[in-house]
Amino acid sequence: TLLLLALKSLLVAAVTLGLLRLTRARSAAERSTIAHLGLFALVALPLASLALPALDLPLPAPMAQMATVDPVERTTAPLPARDKAAPIAAAMSPAVPAEPVWVGALSGAARYAFLLPTLVLIALTLAALLRLVGLRARADVLVDPDWLSALARAQRRMGFKNGTALLWSDELGSPVSWGLMRPVILLNNAAVAAPEQAEAIIAHELAHVVHLDWAKLILARVATATFWFNPLAWVLARE
């Protein structure tokens, strides 16, 4: 299953990167849509394999016969009590060795080895989200009239219906924004000290919110955490 998912992820990422290369002359917004559709397809691959029914494809007769043979069952099945020729036939037929115990243990260890980088990358993403929660809790509400007026004008111009929290913090190197239903714009000291740039900065951060860039970054993190072994997934996330 893991090998099949790996091959599918390589194919999806390769096709998406090929489309991005073919659309180099198109707008950045269109190319961004293509890239994020590819990332969404990567994330949906494991879910689709669990939710969709498995395809029952017909196999050639020799392969179907091999698939129905259970070597372990054939070697451990009890012999019929009344068949005197059975021990002789069993002695003459080649014995099929049962699967060693260490093979099963190695298979389980391989699964855990596959999941470990995924769990580490997901944990780093959760830590980054918790840092945003801490930044918001420690930030101060910005009550400067120039910034509040710039926020109101930008929201009215962009058709924003939801409220936006406007905060400032001295822990940042540049303004950031996140959130979907009630977004947050967090400014740094340098931005707050330049009220003449208020409308441009607010419009820039609201554009990130409108285009769901924060959610798309989370999508890229999940895609690379799930398919950490696929170099094309990392290239696609960087694109």
C-alpha atoms as a PDB file:
ATOM      1  CA  THR A   1       0.000   0.000   0.000  1.00  0.00           C
ATOM      2  CA  LEU A   2       2.782   2.404   0.907  1.00  0.00           C
ATOM      3  CA  LEU A   3       4.639   1.636  -2.311  1.00  0.00           C
ATOM      4  CA  LEU A   4       1.492   2.260  -4.338  1.00  0.00           C
ATOM      5  CA  LEU A   5       0.889   5.577  -2.555  1.00  0.00           C
ATOM      6  CA  ALA A   6       4.501   6.574  -3.194  1.00  0.00           C
ATOM      7  CA  LEU A   7       4.175   5.891  -6.911  1.00  0.00           C
ATOM      8  CA  LYS A   8       0.887   7.796  -7.097  1.00  0.00           C
ATOM      9  CA  SER A   9       2.369  10.761  -5.233  1.00  0.00           C
ATOM     10  CA  LEU A  10       5.316  10.850  -7.640  1.00  0.00           C
ATOM     11  CA  LEU A  11       2.913  10.856 -10.577  1.00  0.00           C
ATOM     12  CA  VAL A  12       0.673  13.612  -9.150  1.00  0.00           C
ATOM     13  CA  ALA A  13       3.623  15.845  -8.242  1.00  0.00           C
ATOM     14  CA  ALA A  14       5.329  15.258 -11.601  1.00  0.00           C
ATOM     15  CA  VAL A  15       2.167  16.102 -13.561  1.00  0.00           C
ATOM     16  CA  THR A  16       1.586  19.260 -11.494  1.00  0.00           C
ATOM     17  CA  LEU A  17       5.179  20.428 -11.927  1.00  0.00           C
ATOM     18  CA  GLY A  18       4.900  19.741 -15.646  1.00  0.00           C
ATOM     19  CA  LEU A  19       1.776  21.910 -15.845  1.00  0.00           C
ATOM     20  CA  LEU A  20       3.560  24.686 -13.962  1.00  0.00           C
ATOM     21  CA  ARG A  21       6.406  24.523 -16.441  1.00  0.00           C
ATOM     22  CA  LEU A  22       3.990  24.712 -19.370  1.00  0.00           C
ATOM     23  CA  THR A  23       2.188  27.716 -17.848  1.00  0.00           C
ATOM     24  CA  ARG A  24       5.274  29.809 -17.089  1.00  0.00           C
ATOM     25  CA  ALA A  25       3.846  32.635 -19.208  1.00  0.00           C
ATOM     26  CA  ARG A  26       0.528  32.712 -17.313  1.00  0.00           C
ATOM     27  CA  SER A  27      -0.256  34.850 -14.286  1.00  0.00           C
ATOM     28  CA  ALA A  28       1.082  34.044 -10.845  1.00  0.00           C
ATOM     29  CA  ALA A  29      -2.475  33.566  -9.543  1.00  0.00           C
ATOM     30  CA  GLU A  30      -3.234  30.888 -12.143  1.00  0.00           C
ATOM     31  CA  ARG A  31       0.021  29.072 -11.491  1.00  0.00           C
ATOM     32  CA  SER A  32      -0.621  29.252  -7.748  1.00  0.00           C
ATOM     33  CA  THR A  33      -4.023  27.630  -8.278  1.00  0.00           C
ATOM     34  CA  ILE A  34      -2.434  24.787 -10.259  1.00  0.00           C
ATOM     35  CA  ALA A  35       0.222  24.223  -7.584  1.00  0.00           C
ATOM     36  CA  HIS A  36      -2.287  24.138  -4.750  1.00  0.00           C
ATOM     37  CA  LEU A  37      -4.606  21.793  -6.631  1.00  0.00           C
ATOM     38  CA  GLY A  38      -1.641  19.449  -6.947  1.00  0.00           C
ATOM     39  CA  LEU A  39      -0.927  19.732  -3.214  1.00  0.00           C
ATOM     40  CA  PHE A  40      -4.591  19.065  -2.445  1.00  0.00           C
ATOM     41  CA  ALA A  41      -4.488  15.962  -4.662  1.00  0.00           C
ATOM     42  CA  LEU A  42      -1.441  14.726  -2.724  1.00  0.00           C
ATOM     43  CA  VAL A  43      -3.190  15.153   0.617  1.00  0.00           C
ATOM     44  CA  ALA A  44      -6.328  13.463  -0.735  1.00  0.00           C
ATOM     45  CA  LEU A  45      -4.447  10.379  -1.956  1.00  0.00           C
ATOM     46  CA  PRO A  46      -4.360   8.500   1.395  1.00  0.00           C
ATOM     47  CA  LEU A  47      -7.950   9.507   2.181  1.00  0.00           C
ATOM     48  CA  ALA A  48      -9.133   8.343  -1.240  1.00  0.00           C
ATOM     49  CA  SER A  49      -7.406   4.989  -0.806  1.00  0.00           C
ATOM     50  CA  LEU A  50      -9.329   4.478   2.443  1.00  0.00           C
ATOM     51  CA  ALA A  51     -12.691   5.860   1.371  1.00  0.00           C
ATOM     52  CA  LEU A  52     -12.988   4.570  -2.184  1.00  0.00           C
ATOM     53  CA  PRO A  53     -13.646   0.869  -2.868  1.00  0.00           C
ATOM     54  CA  ALA A  54     -10.708  -1.169  -4.097  1.00  0.00           C
ATOM     55  CA  LEU A  55     -10.732  -2.101  -7.770  1.00  0.00           C
ATOM     56  CA  ASP A  56     -11.126  -5.836  -8.358  1.00  0.00           C
ATOM     57  CA  LEU A  57      -9.112  -6.215 -11.537  1.00  0.00           C
ATOM     58  CA  PRO A  58      -9.049  -9.604 -13.308  1.00  0.00           C
ATOM     59  CA  LEU A  59      -5.647 -11.312 -13.189  1.00  0.00           C
ATOM     60  CA  PRO A  60      -4.180 -13.817 -15.642  1.00  0.00           C
ATOM     61  CA  ALA A  61      -4.881 -17.426 -14.682  1.00  0.00           C
ATOM     62  CA  PRO A  62      -1.332 -18.283 -13.454  1.00  0.00           C
ATOM     63  CA  MET A  63      -1.151 -15.132 -11.291  1.00  0.00           C
ATOM     64  CA  ALA A  64      -4.644 -15.708  -9.907  1.00  0.00           C
ATOM     65  CA  GLN A  65      -3.713 -19.282  -8.979  1.00  0.00           C
ATOM     66  CA  MET A  66      -0.554 -18.090  -7.199  1.00  0.00           C
ATOM     67  CA  ALA A  67      -2.503 -15.396  -5.359  1.00  0.00           C
ATOM     68  CA  THR A  68      -4.933 -17.981  -3.931  1.00  0.00           C
ATOM     69  CA  VAL A  69      -2.190 -20.240  -2.525  1.00  0.00           C
ATOM     70  CA  ASP A  70      -1.430 -19.749   1.148  1.00  0.00           C
ATOM     71  CA  PRO A  71       2.023 -21.226   1.823  1.00  0.00           C
ATOM     72  CA  VAL A  72       1.685 -21.025   5.603  1.00  0.00           C
ATOM     73  CA  GLU A  73      -1.711 -22.686   5.591  1.00  0.00           C
ATOM     74  CA  ARG A  74      -0.431 -25.386   3.219  1.00  0.00           C
ATOM     75  CA  THR A  75       2.418 -26.311   5.542  1.00  0.00           C
ATOM     76  CA  THR A  76       0.503 -26.159   8.820  1.00  0.00           C
ATOM     77  CA  ALA A  77      -2.805 -27.751   7.806  1.00  0.00           C
ATOM     78  CA  PRO A  78      -3.437 -31.100   9.600  1.00  0.00           C
ATOM     79  CA  LEU A  79      -3.361 -34.223   7.498  1.00  0.00           C
ATOM     80  CA  PRO A  80      -6.555 -36.221   7.021  1.00  0.00           C
ATOM     81  CA  ALA A  81      -6.651 -39.098   9.525  1.00  0.00           C
ATOM     82  CA  ARG A  82      -7.991 -41.762   7.113  1.00  0.00           C
ATOM     83  CA  ASP A  83      -5.692 -40.975   4.195  1.00  0.00           C
ATOM     84  CA  LYS A  84      -2.742 -43.388   4.617  1.00  0.00           C
ATOM     85  CA  ALA A  85      -0.997 -42.112   1.497  1.00  0.00           C
ATOM     86  CA  ALA A  86      -1.009 -38.524   2.712  1.00  0.00           C
ATOM     87  CA  PRO A  87       2.227 -38.738   4.784  1.00  0.00           C
ATOM     88  CA  ILE A  88       4.048 -40.276   1.828  1.00  0.00           C
ATOM     89  CA  ALA A  89       2.782 -37.609  -0.561  1.00  0.00           C
ATOM     90  CA  ALA A  90       3.706 -34.887   1.933  1.00  0.00           C
ATOM     91  CA  ALA A  91       7.213 -36.315   2.300  1.00  0.00           C
ATOM     92  CA  MET A  92       7.677 -36.431  -1.483  1.00  0.00           C
ATOM     93  CA  SER A  93       6.345 -32.923  -2.138  1.00  0.00           C
ATOM     94  CA  PRO A  94       8.698 -29.977  -1.545  1.00  0.00           C
ATOM     95  CA  ALA A  95       8.005 -28.217   1.731  1.00  0.00           C
ATOM     96  CA  VAL A  96       7.149 -24.501   1.597  1.00  0.00           C
ATOM     97  CA  PRO A  97       8.806 -22.750   4.551  1.00  0.00           C
ATOM     98  CA  ALA A  98       6.607 -20.639   6.774  1.00  0.00           C
ATOM     99  CA  GLU A  99       7.324 -16.928   7.056  1.00  0.00           C
ATOM    100  CA  PRO A 100       9.911 -16.295   9.809  1.00  0.00           C
ATOM    101  CA  VAL A 101       8.802 -14.278  12.809  1.00  0.00           C
ATOM    102  CA  TRP A 102      11.485 -11.663  12.203  1.00  0.00           C
ATOM    103  CA  VAL A 103       9.965 -10.832   8.803  1.00  0.00           C
ATOM    104  CA  GLY A 104       6.740  -9.683  10.445  1.00  0.00           C
ATOM    105  CA  ALA A 105       8.670  -7.729  13.055  1.00  0.00           C
ATOM    106  CA  LEU A 106      10.757  -6.064  10.350  1.00  0.00           C
ATOM    107  CA  SER A 107       7.608  -5.132   8.422  1.00  0.00           C
ATOM    108  CA  GLY A 108       6.115  -3.493  11.531  1.00  0.00           C
ATOM    109  CA  ALA A 109       9.359  -1.612  12.203  1.00  0.00           C
ATOM    110  CA  ALA A 110       9.381  -0.371   8.604  1.00  0.00           C
ATOM    111  CA  ARG A 111       5.877   1.027   9.073  1.00  0.00           C
ATOM    112  CA  TYR A 112       6.934   2.897  12.204  1.00  0.00           C
ATOM    113  CA  ALA A 113      10.068   4.149  10.437  1.00  0.00           C
ATOM    114  CA  PHE A 114       7.844   5.524   7.680  1.00  0.00           C
ATOM    115  CA  LEU A 115       5.499   7.243  10.130  1.00  0.00           C
ATOM    116  CA  LEU A 116       8.203   8.759  12.355  1.00  0.00           C
ATOM    117  CA  PRO A 117       9.251  11.607   9.982  1.00  0.00           C
ATOM    118  CA  THR A 118       5.573  12.317   9.297  1.00  0.00           C
ATOM    119  CA  LEU A 119       4.838  12.663  13.014  1.00  0.00           C
ATOM    120  CA  VAL A 120       7.900  14.882  13.525  1.00  0.00           C
ATOM    121  CA  LEU A 121       6.900  17.231  10.686  1.00  0.00           C
ATOM    122  CA  ILE A 122       3.290  17.389  11.904  1.00  0.00           C
ATOM    123  CA  ALA A 123       4.565  18.161  15.423  1.00  0.00           C
ATOM    124  CA  LEU A 124       6.696  21.033  14.072  1.00  0.00           C
ATOM    125  CA  THR A 125       3.634  22.448  12.297  1.00  0.00           C
ATOM    126  CA  LEU A 126       1.566  22.218  15.479  1.00  0.00           C
ATOM    127  CA  ALA A 127       4.371  23.956  17.374  1.00  0.00           C
ATOM    128  CA  ALA A 128       4.309  26.791  14.837  1.00  0.00           C
ATOM    129  CA  LEU A 129       0.534  27.115  15.258  1.00  0.00           C
ATOM    130  CA  LEU A 130       0.921  27.197  19.040  1.00  0.00           C
ATOM    131  CA  ARG A 131       3.502  29.961  18.616  1.00  0.00           C
ATOM    132  CA  LEU A 132       0.902  32.012  16.738  1.00  0.00           C
ATOM    133  CA  VAL A 133      -1.533  31.479  19.618  1.00  0.00           C
ATOM    134  CA  GLY A 134       1.124  32.680  22.056  1.00  0.00           C
ATOM    135  CA  LEU A 135       1.972  35.692  19.911  1.00  0.00           C
ATOM    136  CA  ARG A 136      -1.666  36.727  19.805  1.00  0.00           C
ATOM    137  CA  ALA A 137      -2.057  36.299  23.559  1.00  0.00           C
ATOM    138  CA  ARG A 138       0.990  38.504  24.258  1.00  0.00           C
ATOM    139  CA  ALA A 139       0.221  41.119  21.579  1.00  0.00           C
ATOM    140  CA  ASP A 140      -1.436  44.482  22.228  1.00  0.00           C
ATOM    141  CA  VAL A 141      -4.491  45.870  20.469  1.00  0.00           C
ATOM    142  CA  LEU A 142      -3.581  48.664  18.057  1.00  0.00           C
ATOM    143  CA  VAL A 143      -5.758  51.742  18.675  1.00  0.00           C
ATOM    144  CA  ASP A 144      -3.903  54.216  16.461  1.00  0.00           C
ATOM    145  CA  PRO A 145      -6.577  56.090  14.427  1.00  0.00           C
ATOM    146  CA  ASP A 146      -4.452  56.098  11.259  1.00  0.00           C
ATOM    147  CA  TRP A 147      -4.214  52.306  11.288  1.00  0.00           C
ATOM    148  CA  LEU A 148      -7.864  51.792  12.213  1.00  0.00           C
ATOM    149  CA  SER A 149      -8.970  54.100   9.384  1.00  0.00           C
ATOM    150  CA  ALA A 150      -6.681  52.279   6.941  1.00  0.00           C
ATOM    151  CA  LEU A 151      -8.145  48.938   8.060  1.00  0.00           C
ATOM    152  CA  ALA A 152     -11.728  50.169   7.624  1.00  0.00           C
ATOM    153  CA  ARG A 153     -11.027  51.560   4.136  1.00  0.00           C
ATOM    154  CA  ALA A 154      -9.244  48.401   2.993  1.00  0.00           C
ATOM    155  CA  GLN A 155     -12.009  46.156   4.318  1.00  0.00           C
ATOM    156  CA  ARG A 156     -14.689  48.256   2.619  1.00  0.00           C
ATOM    157  CA  ARG A 157     -12.769  48.303  -0.673  1.00  0.00           C
ATOM    158  CA  MET A 158     -12.155  44.521  -0.617  1.00  0.00           C
ATOM    159  CA  GLY A 159     -15.699  43.660   0.468  1.00  0.00           C
ATOM    160  CA  PHE A 160     -14.648  42.221   3.814  1.00  0.00           C
ATOM    161  CA  LYS A 161     -17.635  41.233   5.945  1.00  0.00           C
ATOM    162  CA  ASN A 162     -15.843  39.625   8.893  1.00  0.00           C
ATOM    163  CA  GLY A 163     -14.050  41.526  11.605  1.00  0.00           C
ATOM    164  CA  THR A 164     -10.257  41.604  11.600  1.00  0.00           C
ATOM    165  CA  ALA A 165      -8.157  41.844  14.760  1.00  0.00           C
ATOM    166  CA  LEU A 166      -5.401  44.451  14.391  1.00  0.00           C
ATOM    167  CA  LEU A 167      -2.593  43.834  16.896  1.00  0.00           C
ATOM    168  CA  TRP A 168       1.051  44.758  17.328  1.00  0.00           C
ATOM    169  CA  SER A 169       4.016  43.018  18.955  1.00  0.00           C
ATOM    170  CA  ASP A 170       7.732  43.661  19.414  1.00  0.00           C
ATOM    171  CA  GLU A 171       8.516  39.937  18.843  1.00  0.00           C
ATOM    172  CA  LEU A 172       8.183  40.105  15.048  1.00  0.00           C
ATOM    173  CA  GLY A 173      10.491  41.119  12.250  1.00  0.00           C
ATOM    174  CA  SER A 174       7.663  41.862   9.798  1.00  0.00           C
ATOM    175  CA  PRO A 175       3.842  41.938   9.749  1.00  0.00           C
ATOM    176  CA  VAL A 176       2.012  38.598   9.547  1.00  0.00           C
ATOM    177  CA  SER A 177      -1.587  37.538   9.119  1.00  0.00           C
ATOM    178  CA  TRP A 178      -3.481  34.298   9.683  1.00  0.00           C
ATOM    179  CA  GLY A 179      -6.955  32.930  10.246  1.00  0.00           C
ATOM    180  CA  LEU A 180     -10.034  32.327   8.119  1.00  0.00           C
ATOM    181  CA  MET A 181     -13.321  33.337   9.756  1.00  0.00           C
ATOM    182  CA  ARG A 182     -11.870  36.000  12.095  1.00  0.00           C
ATOM    183  CA  PRO A 183      -8.406  36.787  10.721  1.00  0.00           C
ATOM    184  CA  VAL A 184      -5.594  38.414  12.671  1.00  0.00           C
ATOM    185  CA  ILE A 185      -3.137  41.030  11.400  1.00  0.00           C
ATOM    186  CA  LEU A 186      -0.118  41.296  13.682  1.00  0.00           C
ATOM    187  CA  LEU A 187       2.217  44.236  13.095  1.00  0.00           C
ATOM    188  CA  ASN A 188       5.774  44.750  14.273  1.00  0.00           C
ATOM    189  CA  ASN A 189       7.256  47.920  15.776  1.00  0.00           C
ATOM    190  CA  ALA A 190       8.758  49.139  12.502  1.00  0.00           C
ATOM    191  CA  ALA A 191       5.390  48.945  10.734  1.00  0.00           C
ATOM    192  CA  VAL A 192       3.553  50.727  13.547  1.00  0.00           C
ATOM    193  CA  ALA A 193       6.135  53.520  13.403  1.00  0.00           C
ATOM    194  CA  ALA A 194       5.307  54.147   9.710  1.00  0.00           C
ATOM    195  CA  PRO A 195       1.616  55.165   9.643  1.00  0.00           C
ATOM    196  CA  GLU A 196       2.032  56.619   6.143  1.00  0.00           C
ATOM    197  CA  GLN A 197       2.353  53.015   4.898  1.00  0.00           C
ATOM    198  CA  ALA A 198      -0.654  51.785   6.883  1.00  0.00           C
ATOM    199  CA  GLU A 199      -3.049  51.347   3.965  1.00  0.00           C
ATOM    200  CA  ALA A 200      -0.494  49.520   1.808  1.00  0.00           C
ATOM    201  CA  ILE A 201       0.479  47.148   4.620  1.00  0.00           C
ATOM    202  CA  ILE A 202      -3.133  46.460   5.590  1.00  0.00           C
ATOM    203  CA  ALA A 203      -4.142  45.832   1.969  1.00  0.00           C
ATOM    204  CA  HIS A 204      -1.201  43.457   1.537  1.00  0.00           C
ATOM    205  CA  GLU A 205      -2.109  41.402   4.614  1.00  0.00           C
ATOM    206  CA  LEU A 206      -5.829  41.361   3.778  1.00  0.00           C
ATOM    207  CA  ALA A 207      -4.963  40.096   0.294  1.00  0.00           C
ATOM    208  CA  HIS A 208      -3.239  37.124   1.962  1.00  0.00           C
ATOM    209  CA  VAL A 209      -6.401  36.511   3.985  1.00  0.00           C
ATOM    210  CA  VAL A 210      -8.732  36.792   0.972  1.00  0.00           C
ATOM    211  CA  HIS A 211      -6.646  34.336  -1.057  1.00  0.00           C
ATOM    212  CA  LEU A 212      -6.535  31.856   1.876  1.00  0.00           C
ATOM    213  CA  ASP A 213      -2.741  31.863   1.771  1.00  0.00           C
ATOM    214  CA  TRP A 214      -2.489  30.781   5.403  1.00  0.00           C
ATOM    215  CA  ALA A 215      -4.644  27.707   4.772  1.00  0.00           C
ATOM    216  CA  LYS A 216      -2.625  26.947   1.631  1.00  0.00           C
ATOM    217  CA  LEU A 217       0.606  27.027   3.626  1.00  0.00           C
ATOM    218  CA  ILE A 218      -0.894  24.536   6.082  1.00  0.00           C
ATOM    219  CA  LEU A 219      -1.900  22.375   3.114  1.00  0.00           C
ATOM    220  CA  ALA A 220       1.691  22.415   1.848  1.00  0.00           C
ATOM    221  CA  ARG A 221       2.968  21.453   5.316  1.00  0.00           C
ATOM    222  CA  VAL A 222       0.565  18.501   5.491  1.00  0.00           C
ATOM    223  CA  ALA A 223       1.466  17.350   1.965  1.00  0.00           C
ATOM    224  CA  THR A 224       5.208  17.366   2.641  1.00  0.00           C
ATOM    225  CA  ALA A 225       4.718  15.687   6.029  1.00  0.00           C
ATOM    226  CA  THR A 226       2.665  12.893   4.463  1.00  0.00           C
ATOM    227  CA  PHE A 227       5.004  12.363   1.500  1.00  0.00           C
ATOM    228  CA  TRP A 228       8.300  13.400   3.097  1.00  0.00           C
ATOM    229  CA  PHE A 229      10.104  10.751   1.027  1.00  0.00           C
ATOM    230  CA  ASN A 230       8.934  12.261  -2.275  1.00  0.00           C
ATOM    231  CA  PRO A 231      11.388  14.954  -3.438  1.00  0.00           C
ATOM    232  CA  LEU A 232       8.879  16.229  -6.008  1.00  0.00           C
ATOM    233  CA  ALA A 233       6.403  16.987  -3.197  1.00  0.00           C
ATOM    234  CA  TRP A 234       8.950  19.327  -1.594  1.00  0.00           C
ATOM    235  CA  VAL A 235       9.671  20.975  -4.944  1.00  0.00           C
ATOM    236  CA  LEU A 236       5.944  21.486  -5.509  1.00  0.00           C
ATOM    237  CA  ALA A 237       5.472  22.965  -2.017  1.00  0.00           C
ATOM    238  CA  ARG A 238       8.350  25.373  -2.668  1.00  0.00           C
ATOM    239  CA  GLU A 239       6.753  26.415  -5.971  1.00  0.00           C
END
